[in-house]
Protein backbone atom coordinates (compact mmCIF):
# COMPACT_ATOMS: atom_id res chain seq x y z
CA MET A 1 10.24 -12.31 -7.67
CA GLN A 2 10.09 -10.64 -11.33
CA THR A 3 8.36 -7.83 -13.25
CA VAL A 4 6.23 -9.05 -16.02
CA THR A 5 3.93 -7.27 -18.85
CA ILE A 6 0.27 -7.74 -18.54
CA ASN A 7 -1.84 -7.44 -21.54
CA ALA A 8 -4.91 -5.30 -20.47
CA PRO A 9 -7.67 -3.98 -22.88
CA ALA A 10 -6.17 -0.34 -22.64
CA GLY A 11 -2.78 -1.31 -23.46
CA PRO A 12 0.19 -3.37 -21.51
CA ILE A 13 1.06 -2.82 -17.94
CA ASP A 14 3.69 -4.19 -15.57
CA ALA A 15 3.34 -6.00 -12.60
CA LEU A 16 5.19 -7.79 -9.64
CA LEU A 17 4.49 -11.60 -9.84
CA SER A 18 5.83 -14.19 -6.83
CA VAL A 19 5.62 -17.91 -7.21
CA PRO A 20 6.30 -20.42 -4.51
CA ASP A 21 9.08 -22.78 -4.71
CA GLY A 22 8.01 -26.20 -5.84
CA ASN A 23 6.02 -27.30 -8.95
CA GLY A 24 2.25 -26.49 -7.55
CA PRO A 25 -0.36 -26.20 -8.57
CA TRP A 26 -0.83 -23.12 -6.59
CA PRO A 27 -3.67 -20.83 -5.78
CA GLY A 28 -3.39 -17.38 -6.80
CA LEU A 29 -3.97 -13.83 -5.21
CA VAL A 30 -4.38 -10.52 -6.99
CA LEU A 31 -2.97 -8.09 -4.84
CA VAL A 32 -3.92 -4.14 -5.37
CA HIS A 33 -1.88 -2.03 -4.01
CA ASP A 34 -2.73 1.22 -2.02
CA ALA A 35 -2.71 5.09 -2.87
CA ILE A 36 0.80 5.66 -2.31
CA GLY A 37 1.75 2.90 -5.49
CA TYR A 38 3.66 0.65 -6.46
CA GLY A 39 6.64 0.51 -4.00
CA PRO A 40 8.71 -1.61 -1.98
CA ASP A 41 6.37 -2.54 0.41
CA ASN A 42 4.56 -4.44 -2.24
CA GLU A 43 7.66 -6.65 -2.90
CA ARG A 44 7.58 -7.20 0.97
CA ILE A 45 3.79 -8.28 0.85
CA SER A 46 4.37 -10.50 -2.12
CA ARG A 47 7.17 -12.64 -1.01
CA ARG A 48 4.82 -13.16 2.47
CA VAL A 49 1.87 -14.45 -0.06
CA ALA A 50 4.38 -17.03 -2.33
CA ALA A 51 5.87 -18.14 1.09
CA ALA A 52 2.27 -19.26 2.37
CA GLY A 53 1.98 -21.12 -1.13
CA TYR A 54 -0.11 -18.51 -3.22
CA ILE A 55 1.12 -17.37 -6.48
CA ALA A 56 0.81 -13.21 -6.31
CA ILE A 57 0.42 -10.73 -8.64
CA THR A 58 0.30 -7.02 -8.21
CA PRO A 59 -0.50 -5.04 -11.17
CA ASN A 60 0.79 -1.58 -11.55
CA MET A 61 -2.36 0.66 -11.10
CA PHE A 62 -0.28 3.69 -12.21
CA ALA A 63 1.47 2.42 -15.16
CA ARG A 64 -0.22 4.84 -17.61
CA GLY A 65 0.44 8.44 -17.77
CA GLY A 66 2.26 9.54 -14.79
CA ARG A 67 1.70 8.83 -11.22
CA ALA A 68 -0.22 12.23 -10.25
CA ARG A 69 -2.80 11.69 -13.18
CA CYS A 70 -2.98 8.05 -12.85
CA ILE A 71 -4.15 8.64 -9.15
CA ILE A 72 -7.21 10.89 -9.94
CA ARG A 73 -8.12 8.52 -12.80
CA VAL A 74 -8.02 5.69 -10.90
CA PHE A 75 -10.07 6.71 -7.71
CA ARG A 76 -12.37 8.24 -10.43
CA GLU A 77 -12.83 4.67 -11.94
CA LEU A 78 -13.04 3.21 -8.10
CA LEU A 79 -15.82 5.48 -7.52
CA THR A 80 -17.86 4.75 -10.46
CA LYS A 81 -16.92 0.98 -10.50
CA ARG A 82 -16.11 0.85 -14.34
CA GLY A 83 -12.96 2.03 -16.55
CA ARG A 84 -9.52 1.00 -17.12
CA ALA A 85 -8.34 0.36 -13.72
CA LEU A 86 -10.94 -2.49 -13.13
CA ASP A 87 -10.08 -4.08 -16.46
CA ASP A 88 -6.00 -4.06 -15.24
CA ILE A 89 -7.49 -6.09 -12.43
CA LEU A 90 -9.16 -8.38 -14.51
CA ALA A 91 -6.31 -8.93 -16.50
CA ALA A 92 -4.00 -9.14 -13.82
CA ARG A 93 -6.08 -12.41 -12.77
CA ASP A 94 -6.05 -13.61 -16.35
CA HIS A 95 -2.43 -13.72 -16.58
CA LEU A 96 -2.20 -15.69 -13.45
CA LEU A 97 -4.81 -18.31 -14.32
CA ALA A 98 -2.78 -18.92 -17.46
CA LEU A 99 0.58 -19.65 -15.64
CA PRO A 100 1.36 -23.36 -15.75
CA GLN A 101 1.70 -23.29 -12.05
CA ALA A 102 -1.91 -21.97 -11.25
CA SER A 103 -4.35 -24.28 -9.68
CA GLY A 104 -7.68 -22.31 -11.37
CA ALA A 105 -8.49 -20.88 -8.16
CA VAL A 106 -7.60 -17.06 -7.23
CA GLY A 107 -8.70 -14.67 -4.84
CA ILE A 108 -8.21 -10.67 -4.68
CA ALA A 109 -6.70 -8.82 -1.80
CA GLY A 110 -6.08 -5.24 -1.54
CA PHE A 111 -4.97 -2.21 0.84
CA CYS A 112 -6.41 1.19 1.52
CA MET A 113 -7.53 2.17 -2.11
CA GLY A 114 -6.57 -1.61 -3.16
CA GLY A 115 -9.11 -2.75 -0.63
CA GLN A 116 -11.74 -0.75 -1.81
CA PHE A 117 -11.24 -2.51 -5.24
CA ALA A 118 -11.23 -5.88 -3.60
CA LEU A 119 -14.77 -4.96 -2.20
CA VAL A 120 -15.94 -3.91 -5.61
CA MET A 121 -14.34 -6.96 -7.89
CA SER A 122 -15.76 -9.42 -4.92
CA PRO A 123 -18.53 -10.48 -7.69
CA LYS A 124 -16.52 -10.63 -10.55
CA GLY A 125 -15.18 -13.84 -10.65
CA PHE A 126 -13.07 -14.30 -8.11
CA GLY A 127 -12.99 -17.03 -5.23
CA ALA A 128 -12.34 -15.02 -2.05
CA SER A 129 -11.99 -11.31 -1.17
CA ALA A 130 -9.50 -9.83 1.34
CA PRO A 131 -9.90 -6.03 1.62
CA PHE A 132 -7.54 -4.38 4.07
CA TYR A 133 -8.86 -1.11 5.65
CA GLY A 134 -10.67 -0.77 2.42
CA THR A 135 -11.88 2.82 3.75
CA PRO A 136 -13.93 4.50 3.05
CA LEU A 137 -16.56 1.59 2.32
CA PRO A 138 -17.46 1.47 -1.61
CA SER A 139 -20.81 3.76 -1.95
CA LYS A 140 -24.12 1.72 -2.19
CA LEU A 141 -22.18 -1.13 -0.42
CA SER A 142 -25.25 -3.67 -0.54
CA GLU A 143 -25.75 -3.02 -4.53
CA THR A 144 -21.89 -3.61 -4.33
CA LEU A 145 -21.82 -6.47 -3.00
CA ASP A 146 -24.48 -8.45 -5.01
CA GLY A 147 -23.38 -12.09 -6.02
CA ALA A 148 -19.86 -11.24 -4.14
CA CYS A 149 -17.38 -13.96 -3.42
CA PRO A 150 -16.50 -14.83 0.21
CA ILE A 151 -15.03 -11.83 2.37
CA VAL A 152 -12.19 -12.06 4.82
CA ALA A 153 -11.95 -8.38 5.85
CA SER A 154 -9.59 -6.47 8.31
CA PHE A 155 -9.74 -2.80 9.71
CA GLY A 156 -7.95 -0.60 12.28
CA ARG A 157 -10.59 0.58 14.88
CA ARG A 158 -8.52 3.58 15.03
CA ASP A 159 -8.90 4.31 11.14
CA PRO A 160 -10.19 7.79 11.28
CA ILE A 161 -11.68 7.08 7.61
CA GLY A 162 -13.18 4.03 8.70
CA ILE A 163 -14.90 4.86 11.67
CA GLY A 164 -18.00 1.95 12.01
CA ALA A 165 -17.02 0.34 8.75
CA ALA A 166 -16.38 -3.37 9.88
CA ALA A 167 -19.68 -3.25 11.54
CA LYS A 168 -21.55 -1.80 8.38
CA LEU A 169 -19.75 -4.32 6.12
CA GLU A 170 -20.33 -7.00 8.63
CA LYS A 171 -24.40 -6.03 8.36
CA VAL A 172 -24.35 -6.21 4.75
CA VAL A 173 -22.69 -9.88 4.18
CA ASP A 174 -25.06 -11.10 7.20
CA GLU A 175 -28.27 -9.65 5.03
CA LYS A 176 -26.61 -11.16 1.92
CA ASP A 177 -25.47 -14.58 3.42
CA ILE A 178 -22.17 -14.10 2.25
CA PRO A 179 -19.63 -16.30 4.15
CA ALA A 180 -17.05 -13.92 5.85
CA ASP A 181 -14.53 -13.02 8.17
CA ILE A 182 -14.50 -9.58 9.67
CA LYS A 183 -12.36 -7.97 12.62
CA ALA A 184 -11.44 -4.58 13.58
CA TYR A 185 -8.30 -4.32 15.31
CA PRO A 186 -8.46 -1.71 18.53
CA GLY A 187 -4.84 -0.87 18.75
CA ALA A 188 -4.69 -0.42 14.82
CA GLY A 189 -5.54 2.39 12.48
CA HIS A 190 -5.38 2.72 8.77
CA SER A 191 -2.33 1.52 6.65
CA PHE A 192 -1.62 -1.21 9.81
CA ALA A 193 -0.13 -3.43 7.16
CA ASN A 194 1.80 -1.33 5.23
CA LYS A 195 5.33 -0.04 6.21
CA LEU A 196 4.95 3.45 4.95
CA PRO A 197 7.56 6.01 5.75
CA ALA A 198 7.56 8.50 8.73
CA GLN A 199 5.61 6.24 10.96
CA PRO A 200 6.18 7.77 14.15
CA LEU A 201 4.50 10.95 12.67
CA ILE A 202 1.58 9.39 10.87
CA ARG A 203 0.70 6.94 13.89
CA ILE A 204 -0.74 9.91 15.90
CA ALA A 205 -3.71 10.88 13.50
CA GLY A 206 -4.41 6.95 13.41
CA PHE A 207 -2.70 5.69 10.78
CA GLY A 208 0.70 3.68 10.55
CA TYR A 209 1.96 0.06 10.70
CA ASN A 210 0.99 -2.07 13.46
CA GLU A 211 3.34 -5.67 13.37
CA ALA A 212 0.80 -7.53 15.78
CA ALA A 213 -2.36 -6.73 13.93
CA GLU A 214 -0.71 -7.36 10.57
CA ALA A 215 0.40 -10.81 11.51
CA ASP A 216 -3.32 -11.39 13.10
CA ALA A 217 -4.51 -10.61 9.79
CA TRP A 218 -2.40 -12.47 7.25
CA SER A 219 -3.42 -15.76 9.48
CA ARG A 220 -6.78 -15.06 9.57
CA VAL A 221 -6.53 -14.32 5.45
CA PHE A 222 -4.58 -17.28 4.65
CA ALA A 223 -6.76 -19.75 6.64
CA PHE A 224 -9.84 -18.11 4.86
CA LEU A 225 -8.19 -18.33 1.52
CA GLY A 226 -7.16 -21.69 2.10
CA GLU A 227 -10.69 -22.61 2.80
CA HIS A 228 -12.45 -21.24 -0.24
CA LEU A 229 -9.55 -21.35 -2.85
CA GLY A 230 -7.96 -24.55 -1.59
CA ALA A 231 -4.92 -25.41 0.38
CA PRO A 232 -1.76 -24.78 -1.12
CA ALA A 233 0.40 -27.50 -2.27
CA ASP A 234 2.98 -29.06 -0.19
């Protein structure tokens, strides 16, 4: 695992890069972090993705101007579906595809805020999209998913900001005939795949890590990616 510099249209940003052991070629996955930011949990997730046979790259979405200011800007660009944040994700994808170990197939996955980006970016040249509790769902969801790639989505049924999200997303992908695997985990809430601090406190409010839900979600995601991005090399 290493930190690399990505040349994005608005200037360079840092990113976390993990490459599987061996020669490849490997499919890739752009990981978009949650609103907490570019922290240690991203390293754990990046290692998990690389261990499954995918090149993982996580762009630092808050690399410019300080975290507080960046959060406001990034959320604004998420809502408007245009701006530097989207360009940074595409630059991360292009950086990954230029690696000699890359197979040429790349998907996108994201968590919370990043899950929303994974849905917004699903029509923009990715082979598969894997949003984890990307709630609230993007506005004008049907329009947002015009031309979307296959989607494997995971939600927590106890997520207080995602009530009914799985059913709503499933309705739209069915209407648009988008290949999809959508699941809501009954015992899980928001952030069930992120090991955030103070878990016992936030679980009460429908947030918090759920090991069983995370394991099942990643199992589904890797099976789905294998189908739509090509199986990783042995």
